[in-house]
């Protein structure tokens, strides 16, 4: 009987620990990915304060020098460098560098901005690059979209690889095909 009660108790503790581990945590405080309140492989839903912080998925407000998520990010991210390996929804302001590998929906700005997937919204900085298709406004000294573009693109050097259905201003503009609005 004692072994059965011990087994049930141990199973209950393990199940509770697994459920508590899976839920996003409400706050993160980080000096480095090795020295942080919530481990890097866990998600945050709330406030994240970082010197250099890394988490899986992040929903909420991230403030720090380097904010990194290895999954998706939703909300506001303000820092010197902001890095998202998945999708981003919201406002990503990386003063020096803002980078999202996946799809981006919202506002992305900084000195250098980069989106690896499709972009919908406003992207502005000194150098703006989108590897996928773009819908919205892109403004920068250098504004580059490698996929199709729909919207307004402004900059001194604007480079496009595919189709453009947009209003475009710049000293030097390149596009494979342009259909003016």
C-alpha atoms as a PDB file:
ATOM      1  CA  UNK A   1       0.000   0.000   0.000  1.00  0.00           C
ATOM      2  CA  UNK A   2       2.813   2.413   0.891  1.00  0.00           C
ATOM      3  CA  UNK A   3       4.525   1.820  -2.498  1.00  0.00           C
ATOM      4  CA  UNK A   4       1.262   2.546  -4.311  1.00  0.00           C
ATOM      5  CA  UNK A   5       0.727   5.842  -2.423  1.00  0.00           C
ATOM      6  CA  UNK A   6       4.366   6.787  -3.014  1.00  0.00           C
ATOM      7  CA  UNK A   7       4.040   5.975  -6.738  1.00  0.00           C
ATOM      8  CA  UNK A   8       0.827   8.019  -7.114  1.00  0.00           C
ATOM      9  CA  UNK A   9       2.362  10.928  -5.197  1.00  0.00           C
ATOM     10  CA  UNK A  10       5.521  10.851  -7.317  1.00  0.00           C
ATOM     11  CA  UNK A  11       3.457  10.708 -10.530  1.00  0.00           C
ATOM     12  CA  UNK A  12       1.358  13.688  -9.343  1.00  0.00           C
ATOM     13  CA  UNK A  13       4.468  15.712  -8.520  1.00  0.00           C
ATOM     14  CA  UNK A  14       6.011  14.932 -11.922  1.00  0.00           C
ATOM     15  CA  UNK A  15       2.782  15.862 -13.747  1.00  0.00           C
ATOM     16  CA  UNK A  16       2.482  19.146 -11.801  1.00  0.00           C
ATOM     17  CA  UNK A  17       6.123  19.968 -12.530  1.00  0.00           C
ATOM     18  CA  UNK A  18       5.616  19.244 -16.254  1.00  0.00           C
ATOM     19  CA  UNK A  19       2.531  21.496 -16.420  1.00  0.00           C
ATOM     20  CA  UNK A  20       4.288  24.295 -14.502  1.00  0.00           C
ATOM     21  CA  UNK A  21       7.335  23.948 -16.764  1.00  0.00           C
ATOM     22  CA  UNK A  22       5.271  24.164 -19.983  1.00  0.00           C
ATOM     23  CA  UNK A  23       3.400  27.368 -19.124  1.00  0.00           C
ATOM     24  CA  UNK A  24       4.942  30.681 -20.178  1.00  0.00           C
ATOM     25  CA  UNK A  25       6.489  32.537 -17.277  1.00  0.00           C
ATOM     26  CA  UNK A  26       5.269  36.091 -16.472  1.00  0.00           C
ATOM     27  CA  UNK A  27       8.675  37.761 -15.974  1.00  0.00           C
ATOM     28  CA  UNK A  28      12.265  37.355 -17.086  1.00  0.00           C
ATOM     29  CA  UNK A  29      15.375  38.995 -15.640  1.00  0.00           C
ATOM     30  CA  UNK A  30      18.592  38.182 -17.495  1.00  0.00           C
ATOM     31  CA  UNK A  31      22.249  39.116 -17.450  1.00  0.00           C
ATOM     32  CA  UNK A  32      23.199  36.470 -20.058  1.00  0.00           C
ATOM     33  CA  UNK A  33      21.430  33.352 -21.414  1.00  0.00           C
ATOM     34  CA  UNK A  34      23.346  31.371 -18.772  1.00  0.00           C
ATOM     35  CA  UNK A  35      22.451  33.747 -15.932  1.00  0.00           C
ATOM     36  CA  UNK A  36      18.716  34.394 -16.121  1.00  0.00           C
ATOM     37  CA  UNK A  37      15.649  33.818 -13.983  1.00  0.00           C
ATOM     38  CA  UNK A  38      13.833  31.678 -16.590  1.00  0.00           C
ATOM     39  CA  UNK A  39      15.890  29.204 -18.684  1.00  0.00           C
ATOM     40  CA  UNK A  40      16.482  30.074 -22.360  1.00  0.00           C
ATOM     41  CA  UNK A  41      14.378  27.155 -23.633  1.00  0.00           C
ATOM     42  CA  UNK A  42      11.231  28.415 -21.866  1.00  0.00           C
ATOM     43  CA  UNK A  43       8.674  31.015 -23.012  1.00  0.00           C
ATOM     44  CA  UNK A  44       7.770  34.368 -21.485  1.00  0.00           C
ATOM     45  CA  UNK A  45       4.322  35.972 -21.433  1.00  0.00           C
ATOM     46  CA  UNK A  46       4.675  39.314 -19.712  1.00  0.00           C
ATOM     47  CA  UNK A  47       7.770  41.454 -19.000  1.00  0.00           C
ATOM     48  CA  UNK A  48      11.343  40.660 -20.004  1.00  0.00           C
ATOM     49  CA  UNK A  49      14.276  42.789 -18.735  1.00  0.00           C
ATOM     50  CA  UNK A  50      17.643  41.843 -20.248  1.00  0.00           C
ATOM     51  CA  UNK A  51      21.262  42.735 -20.513  1.00  0.00           C
ATOM     52  CA  UNK A  52      21.403  39.790 -22.946  1.00  0.00           C
ATOM     53  CA  UNK A  53      18.361  37.573 -22.643  1.00  0.00           C
ATOM     54  CA  UNK A  54      17.221  34.587 -24.672  1.00  0.00           C
ATOM     55  CA  UNK A  55      13.927  32.717 -24.528  1.00  0.00           C
ATOM     56  CA  UNK A  56      11.816  30.523 -26.793  1.00  0.00           C
ATOM     57  CA  UNK A  57       8.520  32.344 -27.494  1.00  0.00           C
ATOM     58  CA  UNK A  58       7.932  35.826 -26.110  1.00  0.00           C
ATOM     59  CA  UNK A  59       4.630  37.665 -25.721  1.00  0.00           C
ATOM     60  CA  UNK A  60       4.609  41.070 -24.061  1.00  0.00           C
ATOM     61  CA  UNK A  61       7.245  43.744 -23.451  1.00  0.00           C
ATOM     62  CA  UNK A  62      10.997  43.111 -23.847  1.00  0.00           C
ATOM     63  CA  UNK A  63      13.470  45.767 -22.709  1.00  0.00           C
ATOM     64  CA  UNK A  64      17.213  45.300 -22.836  1.00  0.00           C
ATOM     65  CA  UNK A  65      20.495  45.590 -24.635  1.00  0.00           C
ATOM     66  CA  UNK A  66      20.099  42.276 -26.509  1.00  0.00           C
ATOM     67  CA  UNK A  67      16.660  40.653 -26.746  1.00  0.00           C
ATOM     68  CA  UNK A  68      16.592  37.252 -28.452  1.00  0.00           C
ATOM     69  CA  UNK A  69      13.839  34.719 -29.029  1.00  0.00           C
ATOM     70  CA  UNK A  70      14.452  31.355 -30.653  1.00  0.00           C
ATOM     71  CA  UNK A  71      10.740  31.043 -31.458  1.00  0.00           C
ATOM     72  CA  UNK A  72       8.042  33.642 -32.157  1.00  0.00           C
ATOM     73  CA  UNK A  73       7.598  37.100 -30.646  1.00  0.00           C
ATOM     74  CA  UNK A  74       4.404  39.137 -30.173  1.00  0.00           C
ATOM     75  CA  UNK A  75       4.343  42.550 -28.553  1.00  0.00           C
ATOM     76  CA  UNK A  76       6.936  45.291 -28.136  1.00  0.00           C
ATOM     77  CA  UNK A  77      10.684  44.697 -28.198  1.00  0.00           C
ATOM     78  CA  UNK A  78      12.962  47.649 -27.398  1.00  0.00           C
ATOM     79  CA  UNK A  79      16.722  47.227 -27.262  1.00  0.00           C
ATOM     80  CA  UNK A  80      20.108  47.877 -28.766  1.00  0.00           C
ATOM     81  CA  UNK A  81      19.853  44.583 -30.712  1.00  0.00           C
ATOM     82  CA  UNK A  82      16.630  42.599 -31.194  1.00  0.00           C
ATOM     83  CA  UNK A  83      16.724  39.101 -32.703  1.00  0.00           C
ATOM     84  CA  UNK A  84      13.770  36.818 -33.466  1.00  0.00           C
ATOM     85  CA  UNK A  85      14.334  33.450 -35.150  1.00  0.00           C
ATOM     86  CA  UNK A  86      10.611  32.845 -35.809  1.00  0.00           C
ATOM     87  CA  UNK A  87       7.752  35.210 -36.652  1.00  0.00           C
ATOM     88  CA  UNK A  88       7.261  38.676 -35.190  1.00  0.00           C
ATOM     89  CA  UNK A  89       3.953  40.506 -34.591  1.00  0.00           C
ATOM     90  CA  UNK A  90       4.118  44.013 -33.119  1.00  0.00           C
ATOM     91  CA  UNK A  91       6.860  46.627 -32.782  1.00  0.00           C
ATOM     92  CA  UNK A  92      10.528  45.646 -32.964  1.00  0.00           C
ATOM     93  CA  UNK A  93      12.902  48.526 -32.254  1.00  0.00           C
ATOM     94  CA  UNK A  94      16.534  47.488 -32.300  1.00  0.00           C
ATOM     95  CA  UNK A  95      18.405  50.760 -32.039  1.00  0.00           C
ATOM     96  CA  UNK A  96      21.457  49.320 -33.830  1.00  0.00           C
ATOM     97  CA  UNK A  97      19.977  46.133 -35.358  1.00  0.00           C
ATOM     98  CA  UNK A  98      16.533  44.579 -35.603  1.00  0.00           C
ATOM     99  CA  UNK A  99      16.320  41.122 -37.200  1.00  0.00           C
ATOM    100  CA  UNK A 100      13.457  38.687 -37.705  1.00  0.00           C
ATOM    101  CA  UNK A 101      14.097  35.457 -39.605  1.00  0.00           C
ATOM    102  CA  UNK A 102      10.438  34.602 -40.243  1.00  0.00           C
ATOM    103  CA  UNK A 103       7.346  36.546 -41.238  1.00  0.00           C
ATOM    104  CA  UNK A 104       6.954  40.070 -39.847  1.00  0.00           C
ATOM    105  CA  UNK A 105       3.705  41.973 -39.236  1.00  0.00           C
ATOM    106  CA  UNK A 106       3.927  45.439 -37.690  1.00  0.00           C
ATOM    107  CA  UNK A 107       6.627  48.093 -37.261  1.00  0.00           C
ATOM    108  CA  UNK A 108      10.350  47.354 -37.469  1.00  0.00           C
ATOM    109  CA  UNK A 109      12.938  50.084 -37.059  1.00  0.00           C
ATOM    110  CA  UNK A 110      16.581  50.657 -36.179  1.00  0.00           C
ATOM    111  CA  UNK A 111      19.805  51.663 -37.892  1.00  0.00           C
ATOM    112  CA  UNK A 112      19.835  48.313 -39.723  1.00  0.00           C
ATOM    113  CA  UNK A 113      16.671  46.216 -40.111  1.00  0.00           C
ATOM    114  CA  UNK A 114      16.286  42.781 -41.660  1.00  0.00           C
ATOM    115  CA  UNK A 115      13.363  40.426 -42.205  1.00  0.00           C
ATOM    116  CA  UNK A 116      14.004  36.994 -43.695  1.00  0.00           C
ATOM    117  CA  UNK A 117      10.367  36.188 -44.496  1.00  0.00           C
ATOM    118  CA  UNK A 118       7.415  38.140 -45.840  1.00  0.00           C
ATOM    119  CA  UNK A 119       6.833  41.608 -44.393  1.00  0.00           C
ATOM    120  CA  UNK A 120       3.564  43.479 -43.799  1.00  0.00           C
ATOM    121  CA  UNK A 121       3.712  46.945 -42.229  1.00  0.00           C
ATOM    122  CA  UNK A 122       6.314  49.694 -41.858  1.00  0.00           C
ATOM    123  CA  UNK A 123      10.074  49.153 -41.929  1.00  0.00           C
ATOM    124  CA  UNK A 124      12.457  52.090 -41.563  1.00  0.00           C
ATOM    125  CA  UNK A 125      16.085  52.725 -40.731  1.00  0.00           C
ATOM    126  CA  UNK A 126      19.303  53.557 -42.539  1.00  0.00           C
ATOM    127  CA  UNK A 127      19.516  50.125 -44.185  1.00  0.00           C
ATOM    128  CA  UNK A 128      16.316  48.080 -44.587  1.00  0.00           C
ATOM    129  CA  UNK A 129      16.232  44.624 -46.141  1.00  0.00           C
ATOM    130  CA  UNK A 130      13.402  42.158 -46.625  1.00  0.00           C
ATOM    131  CA  UNK A 131      14.152  38.777 -48.200  1.00  0.00           C
ATOM    132  CA  UNK A 132      10.513  37.839 -48.840  1.00  0.00           C
ATOM    133  CA  UNK A 133       7.521  39.667 -50.290  1.00  0.00           C
ATOM    134  CA  UNK A 134       6.665  43.107 -48.928  1.00  0.00           C
ATOM    135  CA  UNK A 135       3.337  44.884 -48.334  1.00  0.00           C
ATOM    136  CA  UNK A 136       3.474  48.324 -46.778  1.00  0.00           C
ATOM    137  CA  UNK A 137       5.953  51.183 -46.443  1.00  0.00           C
ATOM    138  CA  UNK A 138       9.737  50.777 -46.504  1.00  0.00           C
ATOM    139  CA  UNK A 139      11.862  53.885 -45.860  1.00  0.00           C
ATOM    140  CA  UNK A 140      15.658  53.991 -45.579  1.00  0.00           C
ATOM    141  CA  UNK A 141      18.858  55.327 -47.013  1.00  0.00           C
ATOM    142  CA  UNK A 142      19.118  51.852 -48.533  1.00  0.00           C
ATOM    143  CA  UNK A 143      15.822  49.959 -48.954  1.00  0.00           C
ATOM    144  CA  UNK A 144      15.991  46.474 -50.449  1.00  0.00           C
ATOM    145  CA  UNK A 145      13.207  43.962 -51.007  1.00  0.00           C
ATOM    146  CA  UNK A 146      14.150  40.723 -52.733  1.00  0.00           C
ATOM    147  CA  UNK A 147      10.579  39.512 -53.345  1.00  0.00           C
ATOM    148  CA  UNK A 148       7.479  41.195 -54.751  1.00  0.00           C
ATOM    149  CA  UNK A 149       6.685  44.655 -53.378  1.00  0.00           C
ATOM    150  CA  UNK A 150       3.305  46.325 -52.888  1.00  0.00           C
ATOM    151  CA  UNK A 151       3.146  49.747 -51.223  1.00  0.00           C
ATOM    152  CA  UNK A 152       5.544  52.697 -50.997  1.00  0.00           C
ATOM    153  CA  UNK A 153       9.311  52.391 -50.991  1.00  0.00           C
ATOM    154  CA  UNK A 154      11.528  55.432 -50.383  1.00  0.00           C
ATOM    155  CA  UNK A 155      15.305  55.736 -50.121  1.00  0.00           C
ATOM    156  CA  UNK A 156      18.462  56.920 -51.830  1.00  0.00           C
ATOM    157  CA  UNK A 157      19.247  53.442 -53.124  1.00  0.00           C
ATOM    158  CA  UNK A 158      16.320  51.112 -53.657  1.00  0.00           C
ATOM    159  CA  UNK A 159      16.923  47.630 -54.927  1.00  0.00           C
ATOM    160  CA  UNK A 160      14.274  45.189 -56.004  1.00  0.00           C
ATOM    161  CA  UNK A 161      14.647  41.789 -57.533  1.00  0.00           C
ATOM    162  CA  UNK A 162      11.058  40.962 -58.565  1.00  0.00           C
ATOM    163  CA  UNK A 163       7.763  42.769 -59.245  1.00  0.00           C
ATOM    164  CA  UNK A 164       6.792  46.180 -57.924  1.00  0.00           C
ATOM    165  CA  UNK A 165       3.221  47.403 -57.559  1.00  0.00           C
ATOM    166  CA  UNK A 166       3.833  50.586 -55.658  1.00  0.00           C
ATOM    167  CA  UNK A 167       4.773  54.217 -55.414  1.00  0.00           C
ATOM    168  CA  UNK A 168       8.559  54.495 -55.356  1.00  0.00           C
ATOM    169  CA  UNK A 169      10.950  57.381 -54.666  1.00  0.00           C
ATOM    170  CA  UNK A 170      14.740  57.378 -54.663  1.00  0.00           C
ATOM    171  CA  UNK A 171      17.888  58.509 -56.431  1.00  0.00           C
ATOM    172  CA  UNK A 172      18.590  55.046 -57.843  1.00  0.00           C
ATOM    173  CA  UNK A 173      15.810  52.489 -58.155  1.00  0.00           C
ATOM    174  CA  UNK A 174      15.899  49.001 -59.617  1.00  0.00           C
ATOM    175  CA  UNK A 175      13.084  46.563 -60.343  1.00  0.00           C
ATOM    176  CA  UNK A 176      12.518  43.674 -62.700  1.00  0.00           C
ATOM    177  CA  UNK A 177       8.933  44.775 -63.414  1.00  0.00           C
ATOM    178  CA  UNK A 178       7.110  47.939 -62.259  1.00  0.00           C
ATOM    179  CA  UNK A 179       3.327  48.443 -62.216  1.00  0.00           C
ATOM    180  CA  UNK A 180       2.604  51.933 -60.861  1.00  0.00           C
ATOM    181  CA  UNK A 181      -0.446  52.483 -58.706  1.00  0.00           C
END
